[in-house]
PDB file of N, CA and C in Angstrom:
ATOM      1  N   MET A   1       0.869  28.522   3.026  1.00  0.00           N
ATOM      2  CA  MET A   1       1.003  27.220   3.657  1.00  0.00           C
ATOM      3  C   MET A   1       2.469  26.790   3.613  1.00  0.00           C
ATOM      4  N   THR A   2       2.862  26.108   4.644  1.00  0.00           N
ATOM      5  CA  THR A   2       4.237  25.632   4.770  1.00  0.00           C
ATOM      6  C   THR A   2       4.259  24.120   4.559  1.00  0.00           C
ATOM      7  N   LYS A   3       5.322  23.634   3.951  1.00  0.00           N
ATOM      8  CA  LYS A   3       5.480  22.192   3.757  1.00  0.00           C
ATOM      9  C   LYS A   3       6.129  21.577   4.998  1.00  0.00           C
ATOM     10  N   TYR A   4       5.655  20.374   5.343  1.00  0.00           N
ATOM     11  CA  TYR A   4       6.200  19.601   6.458  1.00  0.00           C
ATOM     12  C   TYR A   4       6.496  18.196   5.969  1.00  0.00           C
ATOM     13  N   VAL A   5       7.631  17.682   6.376  1.00  0.00           N
ATOM     14  CA  VAL A   5       8.025  16.324   6.022  1.00  0.00           C
ATOM     15  C   VAL A   5       7.778  15.442   7.239  1.00  0.00           C
ATOM     16  N   PHE A   6       6.974  14.408   7.045  1.00  0.00           N
ATOM     17  CA  PHE A   6       6.766  13.383   8.066  1.00  0.00           C
ATOM     18  C   PHE A   6       7.765  12.269   7.775  1.00  0.00           C
ATOM     19  N   ILE A   7       8.629  11.987   8.718  1.00  0.00           N
ATOM     20  CA  ILE A   7       9.610  10.918   8.568  1.00  0.00           C
ATOM     21  C   ILE A   7       9.195   9.793   9.498  1.00  0.00           C
ATOM     22  N   TYR A   8       8.924   8.634   8.915  1.00  0.00           N
ATOM     23  CA  TYR A   8       8.428   7.492   9.680  1.00  0.00           C
ATOM     24  C   TYR A   8       9.591   6.620  10.140  1.00  0.00           C
ATOM     25  N   HIS A   9       9.602   6.307  11.438  1.00  0.00           N
ATOM     26  CA  HIS A   9      10.623   5.446  12.033  1.00  0.00           C
ATOM     27  C   HIS A   9       9.967   4.158  12.516  1.00  0.00           C
ATOM     28  N   ALA A  10      10.667   3.054  12.375  1.00  0.00           N
ATOM     29  CA  ALA A  10      10.201   1.751  12.857  1.00  0.00           C
ATOM     30  C   ALA A  10      11.418   0.896  13.173  1.00  0.00           C
ATOM     31  N   PRO A  11      11.235  -0.113  14.018  1.00  0.00           N
ATOM     32  CA  PRO A  11      12.379  -0.954  14.384  1.00  0.00           C
ATOM     33  C   PRO A  11      12.899  -1.828  13.247  1.00  0.00           C
ATOM     34  N   MET A  12      12.112  -2.014  12.199  1.00  0.00           N
ATOM     35  CA  MET A  12      12.579  -2.790  11.038  1.00  0.00           C
ATOM     36  C   MET A  12      11.924  -2.256   9.783  1.00  0.00           C
ATOM     37  N   PRO A  13      12.621  -2.350   8.636  1.00  0.00           N
ATOM     38  CA  PRO A  13      12.011  -1.884   7.386  1.00  0.00           C
ATOM     39  C   PRO A  13      10.826  -2.770   7.005  1.00  0.00           C
ATOM     40  N   PRO A  14       9.834  -2.199   6.307  1.00  0.00           N
ATOM     41  CA  PRO A  14       8.672  -2.977   5.893  1.00  0.00           C
ATOM     42  C   PRO A  14       9.040  -4.262   5.162  1.00  0.00           C
ATOM     43  N   ALA A  15      10.105  -4.243   4.380  1.00  0.00           N
ATOM     44  CA  ALA A  15      10.499  -5.431   3.605  1.00  0.00           C
ATOM     45  C   ALA A  15      10.935  -6.584   4.516  1.00  0.00           C
ATOM     46  N   ASP A  16      11.358  -6.276   5.743  1.00  0.00           N
ATOM     47  CA  ASP A  16      11.792  -7.323   6.677  1.00  0.00           C
ATOM     48  C   ASP A  16      10.668  -7.811   7.593  1.00  0.00           C
ATOM     49  N   ALA A  17       9.545  -7.141   7.592  1.00  0.00           N
ATOM     50  CA  ALA A  17       8.419  -7.515   8.458  1.00  0.00           C
ATOM     51  C   ALA A  17       7.667  -8.704   7.858  1.00  0.00           C
ATOM     52  N   THR A  18       6.964  -9.424   8.699  1.00  0.00           N
ATOM     53  CA  THR A  18       6.115 -10.512   8.227  1.00  0.00           C
ATOM     54  C   THR A  18       5.022  -9.915   7.344  1.00  0.00           C
ATOM     55  N   PRO A  19       4.874 -10.395   6.124  1.00  0.00           N
ATOM     56  CA  PRO A  19       3.860  -9.817   5.233  1.00  0.00           C
ATOM     57  C   PRO A  19       2.461  -9.968   5.817  1.00  0.00           C
ATOM     58  N   PRO A  20       1.663  -8.906   5.742  1.00  0.00           N
ATOM     59  CA  PRO A  20       0.290  -9.007   6.230  1.00  0.00           C
ATOM     60  C   PRO A  20      -0.560  -9.847   5.283  1.00  0.00           C
ATOM     61  N   SER A  21      -1.631 -10.383   5.827  1.00  0.00           N
ATOM     62  CA  SER A  21      -2.593 -11.097   4.985  1.00  0.00           C
ATOM     63  C   SER A  21      -3.286 -10.073   4.087  1.00  0.00           C
ATOM     64  N   PRO A  22      -3.942 -10.523   3.026  1.00  0.00           N
ATOM     65  CA  PRO A  22      -4.662  -9.567   2.167  1.00  0.00           C
ATOM     66  C   PRO A  22      -5.687  -8.739   2.947  1.00  0.00           C
ATOM     67  N   ASP A  23      -6.387  -9.359   3.895  1.00  0.00           N
ATOM     68  CA  ASP A  23      -7.366  -8.618   4.692  1.00  0.00           C
ATOM     69  C   ASP A  23      -6.683  -7.585   5.585  1.00  0.00           C
ATOM     70  N   GLN A  24      -5.541  -7.962   6.178  1.00  0.00           N
ATOM     71  CA  GLN A  24      -4.798  -7.021   7.004  1.00  0.00           C
ATOM     72  C   GLN A  24      -4.276  -5.866   6.166  1.00  0.00           C
ATOM     73  N   MET A  25      -3.781  -6.170   4.978  1.00  0.00           N
ATOM     74  CA  MET A  25      -3.268  -5.125   4.082  1.00  0.00           C
ATOM     75  C   MET A  25      -4.379  -4.160   3.688  1.00  0.00           C
ATOM     76  N   GLU A  26      -5.551  -4.697   3.379  1.00  0.00           N
ATOM     77  CA  GLU A  26      -6.678  -3.845   3.001  1.00  0.00           C
ATOM     78  C   GLU A  26      -7.073  -2.934   4.161  1.00  0.00           C
ATOM     79  N   ALA A  27      -7.113  -3.488   5.372  1.00  0.00           N
ATOM     80  CA  ALA A  27      -7.466  -2.680   6.544  1.00  0.00           C
ATOM     81  C   ALA A  27      -6.406  -1.613   6.801  1.00  0.00           C
ATOM     82  N   MET A  28      -5.140  -1.993   6.716  1.00  0.00           N
ATOM     83  CA  MET A  28      -4.048  -1.061   6.965  1.00  0.00           C
ATOM     84  C   MET A  28      -4.070   0.080   5.941  1.00  0.00           C
ATOM     85  N   MET A  29      -4.227  -0.253   4.680  1.00  0.00           N
ATOM     86  CA  MET A  29      -4.260   0.785   3.652  1.00  0.00           C
ATOM     87  C   MET A  29      -5.502   1.657   3.799  1.00  0.00           C
ATOM     88  N   GLY A  30      -6.593   1.068   4.275  1.00  0.00           N
ATOM     89  CA  GLY A  30      -7.795   1.864   4.543  1.00  0.00           C
ATOM     90  C   GLY A  30      -7.521   2.940   5.587  1.00  0.00           C
ATOM     91  N   GLU A  31      -6.748   2.591   6.626  1.00  0.00           N
ATOM     92  CA  GLU A  31      -6.383   3.561   7.660  1.00  0.00           C
ATOM     93  C   GLU A  31      -5.506   4.673   7.071  1.00  0.00           C
ATOM     94  N   TRP A  32      -4.539   4.280   6.234  1.00  0.00           N
ATOM     95  CA  TRP A  32      -3.665   5.287   5.611  1.00  0.00           C
ATOM     96  C   TRP A  32      -4.452   6.206   4.684  1.00  0.00           C
ATOM     97  N   HIS A  33      -5.382   5.657   3.923  1.00  0.00           N
ATOM     98  CA  HIS A  33      -6.175   6.484   3.015  1.00  0.00           C
ATOM     99  C   HIS A  33      -7.121   7.392   3.795  1.00  0.00           C
ATOM    100  N   ALA A  34      -7.631   6.912   4.937  1.00  0.00           N
ATOM    101  CA  ALA A  34      -8.462   7.762   5.787  1.00  0.00           C
ATOM    102  C   ALA A  34      -7.636   8.926   6.324  1.00  0.00           C
ATOM    103  N   TRP A  35      -6.379   8.647   6.719  1.00  0.00           N
ATOM    104  CA  TRP A  35      -5.505   9.731   7.179  1.00  0.00           C
ATOM    105  C   TRP A  35      -5.276  10.728   6.048  1.00  0.00           C
ATOM    106  N   ALA A  36      -4.985  10.232   4.843  1.00  0.00           N
ATOM    107  CA  ALA A  36      -4.772  11.121   3.697  1.00  0.00           C
ATOM    108  C   ALA A  36      -6.016  11.967   3.443  1.00  0.00           C
ATOM    109  N   GLY A  37      -7.193  11.393   3.678  1.00  0.00           N
ATOM    110  CA  GLY A  37      -8.431  12.153   3.538  1.00  0.00           C
ATOM    111  C   GLY A  37      -8.513  13.292   4.542  1.00  0.00           C
ATOM    112  N   ARG A  38      -8.011  13.059   5.771  1.00  0.00           N
ATOM    113  CA  ARG A  38      -7.965  14.117   6.786  1.00  0.00           C
ATOM    114  C   ARG A  38      -7.033  15.243   6.345  1.00  0.00           C
ATOM    115  N   VAL A  39      -5.929  14.889   5.703  1.00  0.00           N
ATOM    116  CA  VAL A  39      -4.969  15.891   5.223  1.00  0.00           C
ATOM    117  C   VAL A  39      -5.584  16.672   4.069  1.00  0.00           C
ATOM    118  N   GLY A  40      -6.351  15.994   3.236  1.00  0.00           N
ATOM    119  CA  GLY A  40      -7.054  16.648   2.133  1.00  0.00           C
ATOM    120  C   GLY A  40      -6.127  17.298   1.126  1.00  0.00           C
ATOM    121  N   ASP A  41      -6.445  18.545   0.770  1.00  0.00           N
ATOM    122  CA  ASP A  41      -5.669  19.264  -0.247  1.00  0.00           C
ATOM    123  C   ASP A  41      -4.250  19.581   0.218  1.00  0.00           C
ATOM    124  N   GLY A  42      -3.970  19.387   1.512  1.00  0.00           N
ATOM    125  CA  GLY A  42      -2.628  19.625   2.021  1.00  0.00           C
ATOM    126  C   GLY A  42      -1.643  18.515   1.695  1.00  0.00           C
ATOM    127  N   MET A  43      -2.115  17.422   1.081  1.00  0.00           N
ATOM    128  CA  MET A  43      -1.218  16.325   0.743  1.00  0.00           C
ATOM    129  C   MET A  43      -0.380  16.719  -0.475  1.00  0.00           C
ATOM    130  N   VAL A  44       0.927  16.840  -0.262  1.00  0.00           N
ATOM    131  CA  VAL A  44       1.853  17.177  -1.349  1.00  0.00           C
ATOM    132  C   VAL A  44       2.382  15.894  -1.980  1.00  0.00           C
ATOM    133  N   ASP A  45       2.811  14.966  -1.130  1.00  0.00           N
ATOM    134  CA  ASP A  45       3.366  13.682  -1.589  1.00  0.00           C
ATOM    135  C   ASP A  45       3.020  12.644  -0.530  1.00  0.00           C
ATOM    136  N   PHE A  46       2.155  11.702  -0.881  1.00  0.00           N
ATOM    137  CA  PHE A  46       1.745  10.653   0.057  1.00  0.00           C
ATOM    138  C   PHE A  46       2.952   9.881   0.568  1.00  0.00           C
ATOM    139  N   GLY A  47       3.983   9.771  -0.252  1.00  0.00           N
ATOM    140  CA  GLY A  47       5.205   9.084   0.148  1.00  0.00           C
ATOM    141  C   GLY A  47       5.177   7.616  -0.214  1.00  0.00           C
ATOM    142  N   THR A  48       6.106   6.891   0.371  1.00  0.00           N
ATOM    143  CA  THR A  48       6.264   5.473   0.077  1.00  0.00           C
ATOM    144  C   THR A  48       7.082   4.826   1.182  1.00  0.00           C
ATOM    145  N   PRO A  49       6.962   3.523   1.366  1.00  0.00           N
ATOM    146  CA  PRO A  49       7.883   2.852   2.284  1.00  0.00           C
ATOM    147  C   PRO A  49       9.309   2.919   1.737  1.00  0.00           C
ATOM    148  N   LEU A  50      10.260   2.921   2.635  1.00  0.00           N
ATOM    149  CA  LEU A  50      11.680   2.940   2.267  1.00  0.00           C
ATOM    150  C   LEU A  50      12.367   1.733   2.885  1.00  0.00           C
ATOM    151  N   GLY A  51      13.411   1.277   2.250  1.00  0.00           N
ATOM    152  CA  GLY A  51      14.169   0.174   2.814  1.00  0.00           C
ATOM    153  C   GLY A  51      15.527   0.054   2.168  1.00  0.00           C
ATOM    154  N   TYR A  52      16.421  -0.606   2.862  1.00  0.00           N
ATOM    155  CA  TYR A  52      17.746  -0.939   2.346  1.00  0.00           C
ATOM    156  C   TYR A  52      18.475   0.289   1.806  1.00  0.00           C
ATOM    157  N   GLY A  53      18.595   1.310   2.659  1.00  0.00           N
ATOM    158  CA  GLY A  53      19.245   2.545   2.261  1.00  0.00           C
ATOM    159  C   GLY A  53      20.761   2.443   2.299  1.00  0.00           C
ATOM    160  N   LYS A  54      21.389   3.397   1.674  1.00  0.00           N
ATOM    161  CA  LYS A  54      22.844   3.527   1.661  1.00  0.00           C
ATOM    162  C   LYS A  54      23.217   4.883   2.242  1.00  0.00           C
ATOM    163  N   LYS A  55      24.298   4.920   2.971  1.00  0.00           N
ATOM    164  CA  LYS A  55      24.849   6.154   3.506  1.00  0.00           C
ATOM    165  C   LYS A  55      26.023   6.548   2.611  1.00  0.00           C
ATOM    166  N   VAL A  56      26.050   7.797   2.179  1.00  0.00           N
ATOM    167  CA  VAL A  56      27.099   8.294   1.310  1.00  0.00           C
ATOM    168  C   VAL A  56      27.917   9.320   2.090  1.00  0.00           C
ATOM    169  N   THR A  57      29.228   9.134   2.144  1.00  0.00           N
ATOM    170  CA  THR A  57      30.143  10.069   2.790  1.00  0.00           C
ATOM    171  C   THR A  57      31.294  10.349   1.840  1.00  0.00           C
ATOM    172  N   THR A  58      32.184  11.211   2.244  1.00  0.00           N
ATOM    173  CA  THR A  58      33.363  11.476   1.415  1.00  0.00           C
ATOM    174  C   THR A  58      34.258  10.250   1.334  1.00  0.00           C
ATOM    175  N   SER A  59      34.061   9.288   2.245  1.00  0.00           N
ATOM    176  CA  SER A  59      34.856   8.050   2.237  1.00  0.00           C
ATOM    177  C   SER A  59      34.255   6.961   1.364  1.00  0.00           C
ATOM    178  N   GLY A  60      33.039   7.169   0.888  1.00  0.00           N
ATOM    179  CA  GLY A  60      32.386   6.140   0.068  1.00  0.00           C
ATOM    180  C   GLY A  60      30.964   5.886   0.534  1.00  0.00           C
ATOM    181  N   THR A  61      30.503   4.655   0.334  1.00  0.00           N
ATOM    182  CA  THR A  61      29.143   4.288   0.718  1.00  0.00           C
ATOM    183  C   THR A  61      29.167   3.096   1.653  1.00  0.00           C
ATOM    184  N   SER A  62      28.108   3.001   2.445  1.00  0.00           N
ATOM    185  CA  SER A  62      27.922   1.855   3.335  1.00  0.00           C
ATOM    186  C   SER A  62      26.428   1.663   3.525  1.00  0.00           C
ATOM    187  N   ASP A  63      26.053   0.510   4.053  1.00  0.00           N
ATOM    188  CA  ASP A  63      24.643   0.264   4.343  1.00  0.00           C
ATOM    189  C   ASP A  63      24.185   1.204   5.449  1.00  0.00           C
ATOM    190  N   SER A  64      22.990   1.723   5.299  1.00  0.00           N
ATOM    191  CA  SER A  64      22.415   2.574   6.326  1.00  0.00           C
ATOM    192  C   SER A  64      21.840   1.684   7.422  1.00  0.00           C
ATOM    193  N   ASN A  65      22.077   2.046   8.652  1.00  0.00           N
ATOM    194  CA  ASN A  65      21.467   1.311   9.760  1.00  0.00           C
ATOM    195  C   ASN A  65      20.377   2.152  10.405  1.00  0.00           C
ATOM    196  N   ASN A  66      19.903   3.116   9.662  1.00  0.00           N
ATOM    197  CA  ASN A  66      18.889   4.028  10.152  1.00  0.00           C
ATOM    198  C   ASN A  66      17.531   3.331  10.193  1.00  0.00           C
ATOM    199  N   ASP A  67      16.673   3.780  11.097  1.00  0.00           N
ATOM    200  CA  ASP A  67      15.341   3.201  11.230  1.00  0.00           C
ATOM    201  C   ASP A  67      14.287   3.978  10.447  1.00  0.00           C
ATOM    202  N   VAL A  68      14.704   4.795   9.487  1.00  0.00           N
ATOM    203  CA  VAL A  68      13.759   5.523   8.645  1.00  0.00           C
ATOM    204  C   VAL A  68      13.130   4.537   7.672  1.00  0.00           C
ATOM    205  N   VAL A  69      11.792   4.456   7.703  1.00  0.00           N
ATOM    206  CA  VAL A  69      11.111   3.463   6.872  1.00  0.00           C
ATOM    207  C   VAL A  69      10.115   4.083   5.888  1.00  0.00           C
ATOM    208  N   GLY A  70      10.004   5.417   5.862  1.00  0.00           N
ATOM    209  CA  GLY A  70       9.089   6.045   4.922  1.00  0.00           C
ATOM    210  C   GLY A  70       8.967   7.531   5.182  1.00  0.00           C
ATOM    211  N   TYR A  71       8.174   8.191   4.342  1.00  0.00           N
ATOM    212  CA  TYR A  71       7.984   9.635   4.473  1.00  0.00           C
ATOM    213  C   TYR A  71       6.657  10.034   3.836  1.00  0.00           C
ATOM    214  N   SER A  72       6.182  11.199   4.194  1.00  0.00           N
ATOM    215  CA  SER A  72       5.096  11.891   3.510  1.00  0.00           C
ATOM    216  C   SER A  72       5.423  13.373   3.569  1.00  0.00           C
ATOM    217  N   ILE A  73       4.911  14.139   2.623  1.00  0.00           N
ATOM    218  CA  ILE A  73       5.071  15.587   2.639  1.00  0.00           C
ATOM    219  C   ILE A  73       3.680  16.208   2.579  1.00  0.00           C
ATOM    220  N   ILE A  74       3.417  17.084   3.549  1.00  0.00           N
ATOM    221  CA  ILE A  74       2.115  17.744   3.606  1.00  0.00           C
ATOM    222  C   ILE A  74       2.316  19.251   3.655  1.00  0.00           C
ATOM    223  N   GLU A  75       1.245  19.979   3.470  1.00  0.00           N
ATOM    224  CA  GLU A  75       1.226  21.415   3.713  1.00  0.00           C
ATOM    225  C   GLU A  75       0.263  21.669   4.862  1.00  0.00           C
ATOM    226  N   ALA A  76       0.660  22.572   5.749  1.00  0.00           N
ATOM    227  CA  ALA A  76      -0.185  22.959   6.868  1.00  0.00           C
ATOM    228  C   ALA A  76       0.081  24.420   7.193  1.00  0.00           C
ATOM    229  N   SER A  77      -0.824  25.026   7.926  1.00  0.00           N
ATOM    230  CA  SER A  77      -0.686  26.446   8.240  1.00  0.00           C
ATOM    231  C   SER A  77       0.477  26.722   9.181  1.00  0.00           C
ATOM    232  N   ASP A  78       0.773  25.778  10.075  1.00  0.00           N
ATOM    233  CA  ASP A  78       1.890  25.949  11.004  1.00  0.00           C
ATOM    234  C   ASP A  78       2.244  24.591  11.606  1.00  0.00           C
ATOM    235  N   MET A  79       3.288  24.563  12.440  1.00  0.00           N
ATOM    236  CA  MET A  79       3.748  23.308  13.038  1.00  0.00           C
ATOM    237  C   MET A  79       2.650  22.662  13.880  1.00  0.00           C
ATOM    238  N   ASP A  80       1.898  23.462  14.616  1.00  0.00           N
ATOM    239  CA  ASP A  80       0.829  22.893  15.442  1.00  0.00           C
ATOM    240  C   ASP A  80      -0.195  22.147  14.594  1.00  0.00           C
ATOM    241  N   ALA A  81      -0.536  22.706  13.439  1.00  0.00           N
ATOM    242  CA  ALA A  81      -1.487  22.037  12.537  1.00  0.00           C
ATOM    243  C   ALA A  81      -0.887  20.755  11.983  1.00  0.00           C
ATOM    244  N   ALA A  82       0.402  20.787  11.651  1.00  0.00           N
ATOM    245  CA  ALA A  82       1.068  19.577  11.150  1.00  0.00           C
ATOM    246  C   ALA A  82       1.108  18.512  12.240  1.00  0.00           C
ATOM    247  N   LEU A  83       1.429  18.908  13.472  1.00  0.00           N
ATOM    248  CA  LEU A  83       1.464  17.946  14.582  1.00  0.00           C
ATOM    249  C   LEU A  83       0.083  17.364  14.858  1.00  0.00           C
ATOM    250  N   ALA A  84      -0.950  18.170  14.690  1.00  0.00           N
ATOM    251  CA  ALA A  84      -2.317  17.659  14.878  1.00  0.00           C
ATOM    252  C   ALA A  84      -2.617  16.554  13.870  1.00  0.00           C
ATOM    253  N   LEU A  85      -2.095  16.693  12.646  1.00  0.00           N
ATOM    254  CA  LEU A  85      -2.295  15.657  11.630  1.00  0.00           C
ATOM    255  C   LEU A  85      -1.489  14.396  11.938  1.00  0.00           C
ATOM    256  N   ALA A  86      -0.410  14.537  12.702  1.00  0.00           N
ATOM    257  CA  ALA A  86       0.380  13.364  13.089  1.00  0.00           C
ATOM    258  C   ALA A  86      -0.300  12.584  14.216  1.00  0.00           C
ATOM    259  N   GLN A  87      -1.120  13.258  15.021  1.00  0.00           N
ATOM    260  CA  GLN A  87      -1.829  12.573  16.099  1.00  0.00           C
ATOM    261  C   GLN A  87      -2.834  11.588  15.501  1.00  0.00           C
ATOM    262  N   GLY A  88      -2.833  10.369  15.985  1.00  0.00           N
ATOM    263  CA  GLY A  88      -3.746   9.357  15.466  1.00  0.00           C
ATOM    264  C   GLY A  88      -3.339   8.807  14.110  1.00  0.00           C
ATOM    265  N   HIS A  89      -2.131   9.124  13.648  1.00  0.00           N
ATOM    266  CA  HIS A  89      -1.651   8.625  12.360  1.00  0.00           C
ATOM    267  C   HIS A  89      -1.539   7.100  12.435  1.00  0.00           C
ATOM    268  N   PRO A  90      -1.923   6.370  11.383  1.00  0.00           N
ATOM    269  CA  PRO A  90      -1.881   4.909  11.430  1.00  0.00           C
ATOM    270  C   PRO A  90      -0.487   4.329  11.628  1.00  0.00           C
ATOM    271  N   HIS A  91       0.552   5.046  11.257  1.00  0.00           N
ATOM    272  CA  HIS A  91       1.910   4.533  11.462  1.00  0.00           C
ATOM    273  C   HIS A  91       2.181   4.314  12.956  1.00  0.00           C
ATOM    274  N   LEU A  92       1.587   5.139  13.805  1.00  0.00           N
ATOM    275  CA  LEU A  92       1.810   5.027  15.248  1.00  0.00           C
ATOM    276  C   LEU A  92       1.204   3.755  15.831  1.00  0.00           C
ATOM    277  N   ASN A  93       0.282   3.137  15.105  1.00  0.00           N
ATOM    278  CA  ASN A  93      -0.368   1.901  15.570  1.00  0.00           C
ATOM    279  C   ASN A  93       0.355   0.646  15.103  1.00  0.00           C
ATOM    280  N   MET A  94       1.408   0.799  14.319  1.00  0.00           N
ATOM    281  CA  MET A  94       2.136  -0.366  13.824  1.00  0.00           C
ATOM    282  C   MET A  94       2.971  -0.955  14.967  1.00  0.00           C
ATOM    283  N   PRO A  95       3.230  -2.257  14.929  1.00  0.00           N
ATOM    284  CA  PRO A  95       3.943  -2.898  16.047  1.00  0.00           C
ATOM    285  C   PRO A  95       5.389  -2.443  16.165  1.00  0.00           C
ATOM    286  N   GLY A  96       5.883  -2.485  17.390  1.00  0.00           N
ATOM    287  CA  GLY A  96       7.298  -2.251  17.623  1.00  0.00           C
ATOM    288  C   GLY A  96       7.679  -0.862  18.079  1.00  0.00           C
ATOM    289  N   GLY A  97       6.725   0.001  18.369  1.00  0.00           N
ATOM    290  CA  GLY A  97       7.071   1.329  18.836  1.00  0.00           C
ATOM    291  C   GLY A  97       7.430   2.297  17.721  1.00  0.00           C
ATOM    292  N   CYS A  98       6.598   2.395  16.730  1.00  0.00           N
ATOM    293  CA  CYS A  98       6.855   3.283  15.599  1.00  0.00           C
ATOM    294  C   CYS A  98       6.685   4.746  16.011  1.00  0.00           C
ATOM    295  N   GLU A  99       7.437   5.612  15.353  1.00  0.00           N
ATOM    296  CA  GLU A  99       7.425   7.043  15.647  1.00  0.00           C
ATOM    297  C   GLU A  99       7.381   7.842  14.353  1.00  0.00           C
ATOM    298  N   ILE A 100       6.992   9.114  14.499  1.00  0.00           N
ATOM    299  CA  ILE A 100       6.980  10.043  13.375  1.00  0.00           C
ATOM    300  C   ILE A 100       7.727  11.301  13.787  1.00  0.00           C
ATOM    301  N   GLU A 101       8.686  11.723  12.960  1.00  0.00           N
ATOM    302  CA  GLU A 101       9.317  13.033  13.116  1.00  0.00           C
ATOM    303  C   GLU A 101       8.618  13.973  12.155  1.00  0.00           C
ATOM    304  N   VAL A 102       8.371  15.192  12.598  1.00  0.00           N
ATOM    305  CA  VAL A 102       7.774  16.205  11.736  1.00  0.00           C
ATOM    306  C   VAL A 102       8.778  17.347  11.619  1.00  0.00           C
ATOM    307  N   HIS A 103       9.168  17.648  10.374  1.00  0.00           N
ATOM    308  CA  HIS A 103      10.129  18.715  10.101  1.00  0.00           C
ATOM    309  C   HIS A 103       9.520  19.738   9.161  1.00  0.00           C
ATOM    310  N   GLU A 104       9.748  21.012   9.462  1.00  0.00           N
ATOM    311  CA  GLU A 104       9.335  22.078   8.552  1.00  0.00           C
ATOM    312  C   GLU A 104      10.339  22.158   7.411  1.00  0.00           C
ATOM    313  N   ALA A 105       9.844  22.142   6.192  1.00  0.00           N
ATOM    314  CA  ALA A 105      10.714  22.281   5.024  1.00  0.00           C
ATOM    315  C   ALA A 105      11.039  23.766   4.867  1.00  0.00           C
ATOM    316  N   GLN A 106      12.302  24.088   4.947  1.00  0.00           N
ATOM    317  CA  GLN A 106      12.740  25.490   4.854  1.00  0.00           C
ATOM    318  C   GLN A 106      12.872  25.898   3.390  1.00  0.00           C
ATOM    319  N   PRO A 107      12.375  27.067   3.058  1.00  0.00           N
ATOM    320  CA  PRO A 107      12.512  27.521   1.658  1.00  0.00           C
ATOM    321  C   PRO A 107      13.973  27.810   1.319  1.00  0.00           C
ATOM    322  N   ILE A 108      14.330  27.558   0.073  1.00  0.00           N
ATOM    323  CA  ILE A 108      15.666  27.856  -0.415  1.00  0.00           C
ATOM    324  C   ILE A 108      15.574  29.155  -1.225  1.00  0.00           C
ATOM    325  N   PRO A 109      16.329  30.165  -0.821  1.00  0.00           N
ATOM    326  CA  PRO A 109      16.267  31.432  -1.555  1.00  0.00           C
ATOM    327  C   PRO A 109      16.553  31.234  -3.048  1.00  0.00           C
ATOM    328  N   GLY A 110      15.741  31.856  -3.874  1.00  0.00           N
ATOM    329  CA  GLY A 110      15.955  31.794  -5.308  1.00  0.00           C
ATOM    330  C   GLY A 110      15.426  30.536  -5.974  1.00  0.00           C
ATOM    331  N   MET A 111      14.830  29.655  -5.228  1.00  0.00           N
ATOM    332  CA  MET A 111      14.320  28.411  -5.817  1.00  0.00           C
ATOM    333  C   MET A 111      12.803  28.439  -5.840  1.00  0.00           C
TER     334      MET A 111
END
C-alpha cells in the first residue's frame, strides 16, 4: 500500500470562520467520521485543521498566505483508489469552494 497525503484548501482558515452551532458541529464531525470509516484500516493519520502558518526561507520567516487548512494521510492501493476516497469527501461540501489535493508520498531511500 502507498501513502497519500490529502491537503485541504479553503478560502479561509477554520479559526477565521463563523463557529458552527453545537448541532452543526456534531453533524459535520459525523460526516468526517463516516468518511474515516470508508477509509477504514487505510487511515494513517486523520489529520487536523491548520491555521496561522509561517513561511520559512533563507531570508527569515513571514506569515503564510496559503489556503492550506488541514491534511489527512491515508494508504491506498494506487492513486485511483486514493482519488475515489476523495470523491464525496465532506471537506468538498464546506462553503467557499473548498478543494482537496491528493499527493503520493514518495519513499525515502534508507528510511
